[in-house]
PDB file of N, CA and C in Angstrom:
ATOM      1  N   MET A   1      16.447   2.905 -79.990  1.00  0.00           N
ATOM      2  CA  MET A   1      15.377   2.056 -79.399  1.00  0.00           C
ATOM      3  C   MET A   1      15.871   0.720 -79.605  1.00  0.00           C
ATOM      4  N   LEU A   2      16.182   0.457 -80.998  1.00  0.00           N
ATOM      5  CA  LEU A   2      16.302  -0.811 -81.366  1.00  0.00           C
ATOM      6  C   LEU A   2      17.791  -1.232 -80.589  1.00  0.00           C
ATOM      7  N   ALA A   3      18.362  -0.506 -80.156  1.00  0.00           N
ATOM      8  CA  ALA A   3      19.654  -0.985 -79.691  1.00  0.00           C
ATOM      9  C   ALA A   3      19.315  -1.602 -78.359  1.00  0.00           C
ATOM     10  N   ALA A   4      18.554  -1.023 -77.595  1.00  0.00           N
ATOM     11  CA  ALA A   4      18.192  -1.235 -76.207  1.00  0.00           C
ATOM     12  C   ALA A   4      17.268  -2.588 -76.419  1.00  0.00           C
ATOM     13  N   LEU A   5      16.679  -2.986 -77.596  1.00  0.00           N
ATOM     14  CA  LEU A   5      15.928  -4.249 -77.815  1.00  0.00           C
ATOM     15  C   LEU A   5      16.743  -5.355 -78.066  1.00  0.00           C
ATOM     16  N   ARG A   6      18.102  -5.201 -78.403  1.00  0.00           N
ATOM     17  CA  ARG A   6      18.903  -5.643 -78.696  1.00  0.00           C
ATOM     18  C   ARG A   6      20.048  -6.307 -77.800  1.00  0.00           C
ATOM     19  N   ASP A   7      20.179  -5.313 -76.563  1.00  0.00           N
ATOM     20  CA  ASP A   7      20.630  -5.923 -75.678  1.00  0.00           C
ATOM     21  C   ASP A   7      19.943  -7.084 -74.769  1.00  0.00           C
ATOM     22  N   LEU A   8      20.982  -7.855 -74.609  1.00  0.00           N
ATOM     23  CA  LEU A   8      20.547  -9.165 -73.583  1.00  0.00           C
ATOM     24  C   LEU A   8      20.231  -9.017 -72.440  1.00  0.00           C
ATOM     25  N   PRO A   9      19.388  -9.339 -71.785  1.00  0.00           N
ATOM     26  CA  PRO A   9      18.753  -8.890 -70.452  1.00  0.00           C
ATOM     27  C   PRO A   9      19.931  -8.921 -69.552  1.00  0.00           C
ATOM     28  N   HIS A  10      20.809  -9.868 -69.267  1.00  0.00           N
ATOM     29  CA  HIS A  10      21.827  -9.755 -68.276  1.00  0.00           C
ATOM     30  C   HIS A  10      22.753  -8.799 -68.608  1.00  0.00           C
ATOM     31  N   GLU A  11      22.886  -8.140 -69.849  1.00  0.00           N
ATOM     32  CA  GLU A  11      23.746  -7.082 -70.048  1.00  0.00           C
ATOM     33  C   GLU A  11      22.907  -5.799 -69.477  1.00  0.00           C
ATOM     34  N   ARG A  12      21.825  -5.779 -69.636  1.00  0.00           N
ATOM     35  CA  ARG A  12      20.931  -4.555 -69.281  1.00  0.00           C
ATOM     36  C   ARG A  12      21.015  -4.505 -67.638  1.00  0.00           C
ATOM     37  N   ALA A  13      21.170  -5.693 -67.054  1.00  0.00           N
ATOM     38  CA  ALA A  13      21.248  -5.713 -65.558  1.00  0.00           C
ATOM     39  C   ALA A  13      22.420  -5.333 -65.120  1.00  0.00           C
ATOM     40  N   THR A  14      23.399  -5.243 -65.540  1.00  0.00           N
ATOM     41  CA  THR A  14      24.895  -5.184 -65.410  1.00  0.00           C
ATOM     42  C   THR A  14      25.064  -3.376 -65.351  1.00  0.00           C
ATOM     43  N   LYS A  15      24.036  -2.748 -65.755  1.00  0.00           N
ATOM     44  CA  LYS A  15      24.353  -1.183 -65.824  1.00  0.00           C
ATOM     45  C   LYS A  15      23.731  -0.396 -64.708  1.00  0.00           C
ATOM     46  N   VAL A  16      23.405  -1.186 -63.379  1.00  0.00           N
ATOM     47  CA  VAL A  16      23.063  -0.511 -62.406  1.00  0.00           C
ATOM     48  C   VAL A  16      24.121  -0.120 -61.645  1.00  0.00           C
ATOM     49  N   ASP A  17      23.976   1.147 -61.017  1.00  0.00           N
ATOM     50  CA  ASP A  17      25.298   1.734 -60.196  1.00  0.00           C
ATOM     51  C   ASP A  17      25.075   0.996 -58.721  1.00  0.00           C
ATOM     52  N   LYS A  18      26.338   0.913 -57.922  1.00  0.00           N
ATOM     53  CA  LYS A  18      26.234   0.698 -56.804  1.00  0.00           C
ATOM     54  C   LYS A  18      25.260   1.346 -55.834  1.00  0.00           C
ATOM     55  N   MET A  19      25.407   2.373 -55.958  1.00  0.00           N
ATOM     56  CA  MET A  19      24.761   3.292 -55.037  1.00  0.00           C
ATOM     57  C   MET A  19      23.144   3.038 -55.051  1.00  0.00           C
ATOM     58  N   SER A  20      22.577   2.767 -56.280  1.00  0.00           N
ATOM     59  CA  SER A  20      21.321   2.526 -56.259  1.00  0.00           C
ATOM     60  C   SER A  20      20.797   1.399 -55.686  1.00  0.00           C
ATOM     61  N   ARG A  21      21.761   0.016 -55.786  1.00  0.00           N
ATOM     62  CA  ARG A  21      21.561  -1.000 -55.195  1.00  0.00           C
ATOM     63  C   ARG A  21      21.988  -1.051 -53.828  1.00  0.00           C
ATOM     64  N   ASN A  22      22.623  -0.122 -53.119  1.00  0.00           N
ATOM     65  CA  ASN A  22      23.079   0.221 -51.753  1.00  0.00           C
ATOM     66  C   ASN A  22      21.711   0.636 -51.058  1.00  0.00           C
ATOM     67  N   ARG A  23      20.734   1.641 -51.696  1.00  0.00           N
ATOM     68  CA  ARG A  23      19.747   2.542 -51.230  1.00  0.00           C
ATOM     69  C   ARG A  23      18.420   1.242 -51.322  1.00  0.00           C
ATOM     70  N   ILE A  24      18.584   0.521 -52.225  1.00  0.00           N
ATOM     71  CA  ILE A  24      17.442  -0.781 -52.140  1.00  0.00           C
ATOM     72  C   ILE A  24      17.544  -1.594 -51.072  1.00  0.00           C
ATOM     73  N   LEU A  25      18.854  -2.069 -51.075  1.00  0.00           N
ATOM     74  CA  LEU A  25      19.105  -2.790 -49.638  1.00  0.00           C
ATOM     75  C   LEU A  25      18.718  -2.235 -48.417  1.00  0.00           C
ATOM     76  N   ALA A  26      19.355  -0.813 -48.313  1.00  0.00           N
ATOM     77  CA  ALA A  26      19.103  -0.363 -47.178  1.00  0.00           C
ATOM     78  C   ALA A  26      17.451  -0.023 -46.779  1.00  0.00           C
ATOM     79  N   ALA A  27      16.901   0.092 -47.758  1.00  0.00           N
ATOM     80  CA  ALA A  27      15.501   0.575 -47.949  1.00  0.00           C
ATOM     81  C   ALA A  27      14.654  -0.840 -47.526  1.00  0.00           C
ATOM     82  N   GLY A  28      15.222  -1.886 -48.148  1.00  0.00           N
ATOM     83  CA  GLY A  28      14.672  -3.382 -47.492  1.00  0.00           C
ATOM     84  C   GLY A  28      14.916  -3.554 -46.124  1.00  0.00           C
ATOM     85  N   VAL A  29      16.124  -3.295 -45.638  1.00  0.00           N
ATOM     86  CA  VAL A  29      16.296  -3.877 -44.446  1.00  0.00           C
ATOM     87  C   VAL A  29      15.434  -2.773 -43.424  1.00  0.00           C
ATOM     88  N   LEU A  30      15.280  -1.608 -43.648  1.00  0.00           N
ATOM     89  CA  LEU A  30      14.501  -0.740 -43.001  1.00  0.00           C
ATOM     90  C   LEU A  30      12.986  -1.047 -43.093  1.00  0.00           C
ATOM     91  N   LEU A  31      12.381  -1.516 -44.004  1.00  0.00           N
ATOM     92  CA  LEU A  31      11.221  -1.886 -44.124  1.00  0.00           C
ATOM     93  C   LEU A  31      10.786  -3.488 -43.177  1.00  0.00           C
ATOM     94  N   TRP A  32      11.680  -4.510 -43.599  1.00  0.00           N
ATOM     95  CA  TRP A  32      11.709  -5.488 -42.832  1.00  0.00           C
ATOM     96  C   TRP A  32      11.636  -5.707 -41.653  1.00  0.00           C
ATOM     97  N   THR A  33      12.365  -4.412 -41.110  1.00  0.00           N
ATOM     98  CA  THR A  33      12.596  -4.039 -39.380  1.00  0.00           C
ATOM     99  C   THR A  33      11.197  -3.429 -38.915  1.00  0.00           C
ATOM    100  N   VAL A  34      10.528  -2.774 -39.577  1.00  0.00           N
ATOM    101  CA  VAL A  34       9.588  -2.346 -39.454  1.00  0.00           C
ATOM    102  C   VAL A  34       8.446  -3.408 -39.220  1.00  0.00           C
ATOM    103  N   ALA A  35       8.323  -4.153 -40.297  1.00  0.00           N
ATOM    104  CA  ALA A  35       7.620  -5.393 -40.482  1.00  0.00           C
ATOM    105  C   ALA A  35       7.423  -6.412 -39.118  1.00  0.00           C
ATOM    106  N   ILE A  36       8.951  -6.547 -38.905  1.00  0.00           N
ATOM    107  CA  ILE A  36       9.140  -7.385 -37.795  1.00  0.00           C
ATOM    108  C   ILE A  36       8.679  -6.934 -36.553  1.00  0.00           C
ATOM    109  N   VAL A  37       8.853  -5.534 -36.361  1.00  0.00           N
ATOM    110  CA  VAL A  37       8.664  -4.943 -34.841  1.00  0.00           C
ATOM    111  C   VAL A  37       7.222  -4.729 -35.237  1.00  0.00           C
ATOM    112  N   ASP A  38       6.249  -4.531 -36.065  1.00  0.00           N
ATOM    113  CA  ASP A  38       5.124  -4.479 -35.977  1.00  0.00           C
ATOM    114  C   ASP A  38       4.207  -5.882 -35.514  1.00  0.00           C
ATOM    115  N   ALA A  39       4.895  -7.025 -36.324  1.00  0.00           N
ATOM    116  CA  ALA A  39       4.339  -8.346 -35.749  1.00  0.00           C
ATOM    117  C   ALA A  39       4.871  -8.451 -34.265  1.00  0.00           C
ATOM    118  N   LEU A  40       5.665  -8.153 -33.533  1.00  0.00           N
ATOM    119  CA  LEU A  40       6.322  -8.447 -32.446  1.00  0.00           C
ATOM    120  C   LEU A  40       5.190  -7.696 -31.588  1.00  0.00           C
ATOM    121  N   ALA A  41       4.772  -6.463 -31.978  1.00  0.00           N
ATOM    122  CA  ALA A  41       3.872  -5.624 -31.147  1.00  0.00           C
ATOM    123  C   ALA A  41       2.547  -6.143 -31.144  1.00  0.00           C
ATOM    124  N   HIS A  42       2.123  -6.546 -32.204  1.00  0.00           N
ATOM    125  CA  HIS A  42       0.764  -7.695 -32.369  1.00  0.00           C
ATOM    126  C   HIS A  42       0.831  -8.537 -31.377  1.00  0.00           C
ATOM    127  N   PHE A  43       1.921  -9.178 -31.610  1.00  0.00           N
ATOM    128  CA  PHE A  43       2.064 -10.428 -30.703  1.00  0.00           C
ATOM    129  C   PHE A  43       2.039 -10.321 -29.091  1.00  0.00           C
ATOM    130  N   VAL A  44       2.624  -9.286 -28.824  1.00  0.00           N
ATOM    131  CA  VAL A  44       2.560  -8.963 -27.376  1.00  0.00           C
ATOM    132  C   VAL A  44       1.453  -8.455 -26.954  1.00  0.00           C
ATOM    133  N   SER A  45       0.647  -7.732 -27.380  1.00  0.00           N
ATOM    134  CA  SER A  45      -0.717  -6.907 -27.187  1.00  0.00           C
ATOM    135  C   SER A  45      -1.574  -8.380 -27.214  1.00  0.00           C
ATOM    136  N   GLY A  46      -1.387  -9.472 -28.060  1.00  0.00           N
ATOM    137  CA  GLY A  46      -2.700 -10.680 -27.811  1.00  0.00           C
ATOM    138  C   GLY A  46      -3.098 -10.735 -29.086  1.00  0.00           C
ATOM    139  N   ASP A  47      -2.769 -10.015 -30.030  1.00  0.00           N
ATOM    140  CA  ASP A  47      -3.465 -10.044 -31.396  1.00  0.00           C
ATOM    141  C   ASP A  47      -2.610 -11.114 -32.183  1.00  0.00           C
ATOM    142  N   LEU A  48      -3.006 -12.248 -32.219  1.00  0.00           N
ATOM    143  CA  LEU A  48      -2.082 -13.625 -33.088  1.00  0.00           C
ATOM    144  C   LEU A  48      -2.513 -13.512 -34.588  1.00  0.00           C
ATOM    145  N   LEU A  49      -3.814 -12.635 -34.807  1.00  0.00           N
ATOM    146  CA  LEU A  49      -4.255 -12.991 -36.188  1.00  0.00           C
ATOM    147  C   LEU A  49      -3.159 -12.266 -36.943  1.00  0.00           C
ATOM    148  N   ALA A  50      -2.979 -10.812 -36.682  1.00  0.00           N
ATOM    149  CA  ALA A  50      -2.012 -10.177 -37.633  1.00  0.00           C
ATOM    150  C   ALA A  50      -0.602 -10.832 -37.776  1.00  0.00           C
ATOM    151  N   PRO A  51      -0.011 -11.379 -36.777  1.00  0.00           N
ATOM    152  CA  PRO A  51       1.567 -11.894 -37.225  1.00  0.00           C
ATOM    153  C   PRO A  51       1.358 -13.140 -38.148  1.00  0.00           C
ATOM    154  N   ALA A  52       0.105 -14.018 -37.992  1.00  0.00           N
ATOM    155  CA  ALA A  52      -0.303 -14.962 -38.385  1.00  0.00           C
ATOM    156  C   ALA A  52      -0.103 -14.783 -39.796  1.00  0.00           C
ATOM    157  N   VAL A  53      -1.243 -14.033 -40.061  1.00  0.00           N
ATOM    158  CA  VAL A  53      -1.295 -13.549 -41.509  1.00  0.00           C
ATOM    159  C   VAL A  53      -0.077 -12.917 -42.399  1.00  0.00           C
ATOM    160  N   MET A  54       0.399 -12.269 -41.427  1.00  0.00           N
ATOM    161  CA  MET A  54       1.928 -11.671 -42.105  1.00  0.00           C
ATOM    162  C   MET A  54       2.752 -12.722 -42.407  1.00  0.00           C
ATOM    163  N   ALA A  55       3.091 -13.917 -41.279  1.00  0.00           N
ATOM    164  CA  ALA A  55       3.563 -15.126 -41.782  1.00  0.00           C
ATOM    165  C   ALA A  55       3.472 -15.849 -43.012  1.00  0.00           C
ATOM    166  N   ILE A  56       1.914 -16.057 -43.169  1.00  0.00           N
ATOM    167  CA  ILE A  56       1.363 -16.722 -44.387  1.00  0.00           C
ATOM    168  C   ILE A  56       1.839 -16.089 -45.440  1.00  0.00           C
ATOM    169  N   LEU A  57       1.526 -14.790 -45.688  1.00  0.00           N
ATOM    170  CA  LEU A  57       1.706 -14.054 -46.787  1.00  0.00           C
ATOM    171  C   LEU A  57       3.071 -13.795 -47.125  1.00  0.00           C
ATOM    172  N   GLY A  58       4.094 -13.868 -45.887  1.00  0.00           N
ATOM    173  CA  GLY A  58       5.516 -13.838 -46.350  1.00  0.00           C
ATOM    174  C   GLY A  58       5.871 -15.340 -46.815  1.00  0.00           C
ATOM    175  N   ILE A  59       5.665 -16.407 -46.454  1.00  0.00           N
ATOM    176  CA  ILE A  59       5.765 -17.397 -46.753  1.00  0.00           C
ATOM    177  C   ILE A  59       5.498 -17.665 -48.507  1.00  0.00           C
ATOM    178  N   ALA A  60       4.324 -17.263 -48.533  1.00  0.00           N
ATOM    179  CA  ALA A  60       3.557 -17.403 -49.818  1.00  0.00           C
ATOM    180  C   ALA A  60       4.549 -16.500 -50.866  1.00  0.00           C
ATOM    181  N   GLY A  61       4.692 -15.288 -50.652  1.00  0.00           N
ATOM    182  CA  GLY A  61       5.673 -14.390 -51.468  1.00  0.00           C
ATOM    183  C   GLY A  61       6.902 -14.826 -51.681  1.00  0.00           C
ATOM    184  N   ALA A  62       7.727 -15.261 -50.754  1.00  0.00           N
ATOM    185  CA  ALA A  62       9.036 -15.960 -50.981  1.00  0.00           C
ATOM    186  C   ALA A  62       8.691 -17.354 -51.734  1.00  0.00           C
ATOM    187  N   SER A  63       7.709 -18.101 -51.702  1.00  0.00           N
ATOM    188  CA  SER A  63       7.623 -19.509 -52.583  1.00  0.00           C
ATOM    189  C   SER A  63       7.296 -19.067 -54.142  1.00  0.00           C
ATOM    190  N   TRP A  64       6.539 -17.860 -54.137  1.00  0.00           N
ATOM    191  CA  TRP A  64       6.333 -17.390 -55.603  1.00  0.00           C
ATOM    192  C   TRP A  64       7.391 -16.869 -56.356  1.00  0.00           C
ATOM    193  N   ILE A  65       8.481 -16.214 -55.434  1.00  0.00           N
ATOM    194  CA  ILE A  65       9.689 -15.557 -55.870  1.00  0.00           C
ATOM    195  C   ILE A  65      10.424 -16.717 -56.327  1.00  0.00           C
ATOM    196  N   VAL A  66      10.665 -17.830 -55.511  1.00  0.00           N
ATOM    197  CA  VAL A  66      11.303 -19.030 -55.910  1.00  0.00           C
ATOM    198  C   VAL A  66      11.107 -19.936 -56.793  1.00  0.00           C
ATOM    199  N   MET A  67       9.828 -20.000 -57.042  1.00  0.00           N
ATOM    200  CA  MET A  67       8.986 -20.474 -58.295  1.00  0.00           C
ATOM    201  C   MET A  67       9.264 -19.880 -59.699  1.00  0.00           C
ATOM    202  N   ARG A  68       9.314 -18.394 -59.491  1.00  0.00           N
ATOM    203  CA  ARG A  68       9.437 -17.733 -60.835  1.00  0.00           C
ATOM    204  C   ARG A  68      11.030 -17.763 -61.147  1.00  0.00           C
ATOM    205  N   ARG A  69      12.042 -17.769 -60.379  1.00  0.00           N
ATOM    206  CA  ARG A  69      13.416 -17.863 -60.375  1.00  0.00           C
ATOM    207  C   ARG A  69      13.628 -19.387 -61.136  1.00  0.00           C
ATOM    208  N   GLY A  70      12.929 -20.107 -60.592  1.00  0.00           N
ATOM    209  CA  GLY A  70      13.183 -21.535 -60.970  1.00  0.00           C
ATOM    210  C   GLY A  70      12.856 -21.618 -62.329  1.00  0.00           C
ATOM    211  N   ARG A  71      11.589 -21.421 -62.654  1.00  0.00           N
ATOM    212  CA  ARG A  71      10.827 -21.379 -64.216  1.00  0.00           C
ATOM    213  C   ARG A  71      12.022 -20.700 -65.203  1.00  0.00           C
ATOM    214  N   ARG A  72      12.639 -19.354 -64.446  1.00  0.00           N
ATOM    215  CA  ARG A  72      13.433 -18.685 -65.267  1.00  0.00           C
ATOM    216  C   ARG A  72      14.779 -18.920 -65.953  1.00  0.00           C
ATOM    217  N   SER A  73      15.264 -19.890 -64.879  1.00  0.00           N
ATOM    218  CA  SER A  73      16.662 -20.398 -64.749  1.00  0.00           C
ATOM    219  C   SER A  73      15.950 -21.601 -65.902  1.00  0.00           C
ATOM    220  N   LEU A  74      15.189 -22.485 -65.567  1.00  0.00           N
ATOM    221  CA  LEU A  74      15.187 -23.493 -66.562  1.00  0.00           C
ATOM    222  C   LEU A  74      14.595 -23.135 -68.243  1.00  0.00           C
ATOM    223  N   SER A  75      14.073 -22.036 -68.205  1.00  0.00           N
ATOM    224  CA  SER A  75      13.806 -21.441 -69.784  1.00  0.00           C
ATOM    225  C   SER A  75      15.249 -20.762 -70.283  1.00  0.00           C
ATOM    226  N   GLU A  76      16.216 -20.280 -69.540  1.00  0.00           N
ATOM    227  CA  GLU A  76      17.212 -19.833 -70.083  1.00  0.00           C
ATOM    228  C   GLU A  76      18.293 -21.035 -70.367  1.00  0.00           C
ATOM    229  N   GLU A  77      18.146 -22.117 -69.830  1.00  0.00           N
ATOM    230  CA  GLU A  77      18.988 -23.467 -70.100  1.00  0.00           C
ATOM    231  C   GLU A  77      18.538 -24.007 -71.327  1.00  0.00           C
ATOM    232  N   GLY A  78      17.292 -23.882 -71.627  1.00  0.00           N
ATOM    233  CA  GLY A  78      16.794 -24.655 -72.708  1.00  0.00           C
ATOM    234  C   GLY A  78      16.786 -24.049 -74.136  1.00  0.00           C
TER     235      GLY A  78
END
């Protein structure tokens, strides 16, 4: 356990095999495709609230990820 605590975060991140990364990417593509098709189905049927909420939450989530990544990079430099 102490050896795992001594590993630097970037060293632990490199121990991921490519197969699990490919599966994560494939699952992400599948889920984003389903979300887009669902939003388009709501839009076509005249329900504008669901696609609007999905867009707002998507932008908020992406902004949150960018802000976290920016703070993390600033803390690693200093």
